[in-house]
Amino acid sequence: MASDPRPNREDASAGARGERARARADELQQRRADLADGQPSTDATVKRAQLRAKEALMRATAAHHSSAQRHVDAGEAHRRAAAAHEQAALLAGNRSGESHQSAAERHRDEADRHEHAAVDETMAGEADARRGR
């Protein structure tokens, strides 16, 4: 049986992101120590800080985009589940049709909630992108 390679790539990606975050934290800690020791800011340290800020905004924008897409995906899944429940209600007749209709309504409500969250995340990502200009 072939295994799905995606979890390994996601784990590696998460691990790589973690390593980069640790490196940024170490760099920031060292810079704070340098400043505490009285070392002045230089053109190089200012440029590095500006670069790090720009990178952080890019990561935030990408995270909002990814989150919005996951909400869109979840909304679509809920819409498919609602349709399945509505189909089951038609086939069930009086036996359990009402419970399927109720489930379909809950799924549509959740789909709406995810679609609104996707819009919110998209707007947040656009706001972050504007801050980076």
C-alpha atoms as a PDB file:
ATOM      1  CA  MET A   1       0.000   0.000   0.000  1.00  0.00           C
ATOM      2  CA  ALA A   2       1.491   3.352  -1.039  1.00  0.00           C
ATOM      3  CA  SER A   3       1.574   6.039   1.577  1.00  0.00           C
ATOM      4  CA  ASP A   4       0.536   9.621   0.958  1.00  0.00           C
ATOM      5  CA  PRO A   5       3.688  11.792   0.782  1.00  0.00           C
ATOM      6  CA  ARG A   6       1.843  15.003   1.741  1.00  0.00           C
ATOM      7  CA  PRO A   7       2.058  14.588   5.537  1.00  0.00           C
ATOM      8  CA  ASN A   8       5.837  14.194   5.327  1.00  0.00           C
ATOM      9  CA  ARG A   9       6.175  17.311   3.196  1.00  0.00           C
ATOM     10  CA  GLU A  10       3.882  19.215   5.550  1.00  0.00           C
ATOM     11  CA  ASP A  11       5.901  18.012   8.546  1.00  0.00           C
ATOM     12  CA  ALA A  12       9.138  19.029   6.829  1.00  0.00           C
ATOM     13  CA  SER A  13       7.640  22.363   5.921  1.00  0.00           C
ATOM     14  CA  ALA A  14       6.422  22.899   9.480  1.00  0.00           C
ATOM     15  CA  GLY A  15       9.834  21.874  10.765  1.00  0.00           C
ATOM     16  CA  ALA A  16      11.576  24.255   8.380  1.00  0.00           C
ATOM     17  CA  ARG A  17       9.240  27.081   9.418  1.00  0.00           C
ATOM     18  CA  GLY A  18       9.994  26.314  13.041  1.00  0.00           C
ATOM     19  CA  GLU A  19      13.732  26.418  12.408  1.00  0.00           C
ATOM     20  CA  ARG A  20      13.423  29.762  10.632  1.00  0.00           C
ATOM     21  CA  ALA A  21      11.339  31.138  13.506  1.00  0.00           C
ATOM     22  CA  ARG A  22      13.950  29.966  16.026  1.00  0.00           C
ATOM     23  CA  ALA A  23      16.695  31.602  13.966  1.00  0.00           C
ATOM     24  CA  ARG A  24      14.739  34.881  13.857  1.00  0.00           C
ATOM     25  CA  ALA A  25      14.152  34.713  17.610  1.00  0.00           C
ATOM     26  CA  ASP A  26      17.866  34.057  18.232  1.00  0.00           C
ATOM     27  CA  GLU A  27      18.791  36.965  15.954  1.00  0.00           C
ATOM     28  CA  LEU A  28      16.382  39.276  17.771  1.00  0.00           C
ATOM     29  CA  GLN A  29      17.657  38.160  21.170  1.00  0.00           C
ATOM     30  CA  GLN A  30      21.236  38.828  20.073  1.00  0.00           C
ATOM     31  CA  ARG A  31      20.309  42.275  18.748  1.00  0.00           C
ATOM     32  CA  ARG A  32      18.581  43.138  22.043  1.00  0.00           C
ATOM     33  CA  ALA A  33      21.698  42.060  23.916  1.00  0.00           C
ATOM     34  CA  ASP A  34      23.851  44.197  21.601  1.00  0.00           C
ATOM     35  CA  LEU A  35      21.635  47.218  22.220  1.00  0.00           C
ATOM     36  CA  ALA A  36      21.674  46.586  25.970  1.00  0.00           C
ATOM     37  CA  ASP A  37      25.488  46.543  25.788  1.00  0.00           C
ATOM     38  CA  GLY A  38      25.385  49.979  24.189  1.00  0.00           C
ATOM     39  CA  GLN A  39      26.107  48.967  20.603  1.00  0.00           C
ATOM     40  CA  PRO A  40      24.505  51.535  18.311  1.00  0.00           C
ATOM     41  CA  SER A  41      22.298  50.808  15.337  1.00  0.00           C
ATOM     42  CA  THR A  42      24.080  50.780  12.017  1.00  0.00           C
ATOM     43  CA  ASP A  43      22.830  51.000   8.476  1.00  0.00           C
ATOM     44  CA  ALA A  44      23.207  47.230   8.272  1.00  0.00           C
ATOM     45  CA  THR A  45      21.179  46.528  11.434  1.00  0.00           C
ATOM     46  CA  VAL A  46      18.462  48.953  10.312  1.00  0.00           C
ATOM     47  CA  LYS A  47      18.267  47.310   6.886  1.00  0.00           C
ATOM     48  CA  ARG A  48      18.122  43.859   8.476  1.00  0.00           C
ATOM     49  CA  ALA A  49      15.294  44.978  10.802  1.00  0.00           C
ATOM     50  CA  GLN A  50      13.380  46.438   7.860  1.00  0.00           C
ATOM     51  CA  LEU A  51      13.870  43.216   5.903  1.00  0.00           C
ATOM     52  CA  ARG A  52      12.649  41.131   8.851  1.00  0.00           C
ATOM     53  CA  ALA A  53       9.562  43.352   9.205  1.00  0.00           C
ATOM     54  CA  LYS A  54       8.798  43.008   5.498  1.00  0.00           C
ATOM     55  CA  GLU A  55       9.221  39.222   5.704  1.00  0.00           C
ATOM     56  CA  ALA A  56       6.881  39.088   8.711  1.00  0.00           C
ATOM     57  CA  LEU A  57       4.211  40.988   6.788  1.00  0.00           C
ATOM     58  CA  MET A  58       4.619  38.643   3.840  1.00  0.00           C
ATOM     59  CA  ARG A  59       4.198  35.622   6.140  1.00  0.00           C
ATOM     60  CA  ALA A  60       1.113  37.178   7.733  1.00  0.00           C
ATOM     61  CA  THR A  61      -0.419  37.923   4.341  1.00  0.00           C
ATOM     62  CA  ALA A  62       0.259  34.360   3.184  1.00  0.00           C
ATOM     63  CA  ALA A  63      -1.231  32.958   6.400  1.00  0.00           C
ATOM     64  CA  HIS A  64      -4.414  34.984   5.910  1.00  0.00           C
ATOM     65  CA  HIS A  65      -4.653  33.771   2.309  1.00  0.00           C
ATOM     66  CA  SER A  66      -4.176  30.154   3.387  1.00  0.00           C
ATOM     67  CA  SER A  67      -6.734  30.514   6.168  1.00  0.00           C
ATOM     68  CA  ALA A  68      -9.254  32.049   3.776  1.00  0.00           C
ATOM     69  CA  GLN A  69      -8.793  29.145   1.376  1.00  0.00           C
ATOM     70  CA  ARG A  70      -9.297  26.594   4.162  1.00  0.00           C
ATOM     71  CA  HIS A  71     -12.555  28.369   5.093  1.00  0.00           C
ATOM     72  CA  VAL A  72     -13.678  28.253   1.453  1.00  0.00           C
ATOM     73  CA  ASP A  73     -12.873  24.521   1.357  1.00  0.00           C
ATOM     74  CA  ALA A  74     -14.773  23.925   4.601  1.00  0.00           C
ATOM     75  CA  GLY A  75     -17.763  25.891   3.323  1.00  0.00           C
ATOM     76  CA  GLU A  76     -17.854  23.784   0.172  1.00  0.00           C
ATOM     77  CA  ALA A  77     -17.676  20.590   2.238  1.00  0.00           C
ATOM     78  CA  HIS A  78     -20.598  21.769   4.362  1.00  0.00           C
ATOM     79  CA  ARG A  79     -22.613  22.582   1.238  1.00  0.00           C
ATOM     80  CA  ARG A  80     -21.940  19.071  -0.105  1.00  0.00           C
ATOM     81  CA  ALA A  81     -22.971  17.569   3.248  1.00  0.00           C
ATOM     82  CA  ALA A  82     -26.168  19.654   3.227  1.00  0.00           C
ATOM     83  CA  ALA A  83     -26.987  18.384  -0.253  1.00  0.00           C
ATOM     84  CA  ALA A  84     -26.391  14.791   0.856  1.00  0.00           C
ATOM     85  CA  HIS A  85     -28.707  15.268   3.840  1.00  0.00           C
ATOM     86  CA  GLU A  86     -31.383  16.816   1.629  1.00  0.00           C
ATOM     87  CA  GLN A  87     -31.123  13.847  -0.741  1.00  0.00           C
ATOM     88  CA  ALA A  88     -31.371  11.470   2.210  1.00  0.00           C
ATOM     89  CA  ALA A  89     -34.432  13.352   3.476  1.00  0.00           C
ATOM     90  CA  LEU A  90     -36.136  12.862   0.122  1.00  0.00           C
ATOM     91  CA  LEU A  91     -35.380   9.148   0.168  1.00  0.00           C
ATOM     92  CA  ALA A  92     -36.247   8.668   3.855  1.00  0.00           C
ATOM     93  CA  GLY A  93     -39.737  10.067   3.605  1.00  0.00           C
ATOM     94  CA  ASN A  94     -41.384  10.448   7.005  1.00  0.00           C
ATOM     95  CA  ARG A  95     -39.038   8.071   8.830  1.00  0.00           C
ATOM     96  CA  SER A  96     -36.073  10.377   9.377  1.00  0.00           C
ATOM     97  CA  GLY A  97     -36.556  13.027   6.722  1.00  0.00           C
ATOM     98  CA  GLU A  98     -37.012  15.781   9.270  1.00  0.00           C
ATOM     99  CA  SER A  99     -33.733  15.029  11.032  1.00  0.00           C
ATOM    100  CA  HIS A 100     -31.920  15.067   7.680  1.00  0.00           C
ATOM    101  CA  GLN A 101     -33.485  18.426   6.817  1.00  0.00           C
ATOM    102  CA  SER A 102     -32.348  19.783  10.192  1.00  0.00           C
ATOM    103  CA  ALA A 103     -28.833  18.483   9.570  1.00  0.00           C
ATOM    104  CA  ALA A 104     -28.825  20.064   6.105  1.00  0.00           C
ATOM    105  CA  GLU A 105     -29.814  23.402   7.630  1.00  0.00           C
ATOM    106  CA  ARG A 106     -27.005  23.185  10.204  1.00  0.00           C
ATOM    107  CA  HIS A 107     -24.509  22.430   7.421  1.00  0.00           C
ATOM    108  CA  ARG A 108     -25.729  25.407   5.376  1.00  0.00           C
ATOM    109  CA  ASP A 109     -25.365  27.630   8.454  1.00  0.00           C
ATOM    110  CA  GLU A 110     -21.804  26.376   8.961  1.00  0.00           C
ATOM    111  CA  ALA A 111     -21.055  26.923   5.275  1.00  0.00           C
ATOM    112  CA  ASP A 112     -22.245  30.521   5.605  1.00  0.00           C
ATOM    113  CA  ARG A 113     -20.076  30.976   8.708  1.00  0.00           C
ATOM    114  CA  HIS A 114     -17.008  29.681   6.863  1.00  0.00           C
ATOM    115  CA  GLU A 115     -17.714  31.878   3.842  1.00  0.00           C
ATOM    116  CA  HIS A 116     -17.917  34.961   6.089  1.00  0.00           C
ATOM    117  CA  ALA A 117     -14.690  33.928   7.822  1.00  0.00           C
ATOM    118  CA  ALA A 118     -13.018  33.557   4.410  1.00  0.00           C
ATOM    119  CA  VAL A 119     -14.038  37.117   3.528  1.00  0.00           C
ATOM    120  CA  ASP A 120     -12.704  38.357   6.882  1.00  0.00           C
ATOM    121  CA  GLU A 121      -9.379  36.572   6.348  1.00  0.00           C
ATOM    122  CA  THR A 122      -9.096  37.901   2.808  1.00  0.00           C
ATOM    123  CA  MET A 123      -9.682  41.444   4.041  1.00  0.00           C
ATOM    124  CA  ALA A 124      -7.109  40.995   6.813  1.00  0.00           C
ATOM    125  CA  GLY A 125      -4.568  39.715   4.297  1.00  0.00           C
ATOM    126  CA  GLU A 126      -5.231  42.675   2.008  1.00  0.00           C
ATOM    127  CA  ALA A 127      -4.784  45.045   4.954  1.00  0.00           C
ATOM    128  CA  ASP A 128      -1.450  43.395   5.771  1.00  0.00           C
ATOM    129  CA  ALA A 129      -0.387  43.689   2.131  1.00  0.00           C
ATOM    130  CA  ARG A 130      -1.241  47.408   2.112  1.00  0.00           C
ATOM    131  CA  ARG A 131       0.866  47.905   5.252  1.00  0.00           C
ATOM    132  CA  GLY A 132       3.810  46.344   3.425  1.00  0.00           C
ATOM    133  CA  ARG A 133       3.730  48.816   0.535  1.00  0.00           C
END
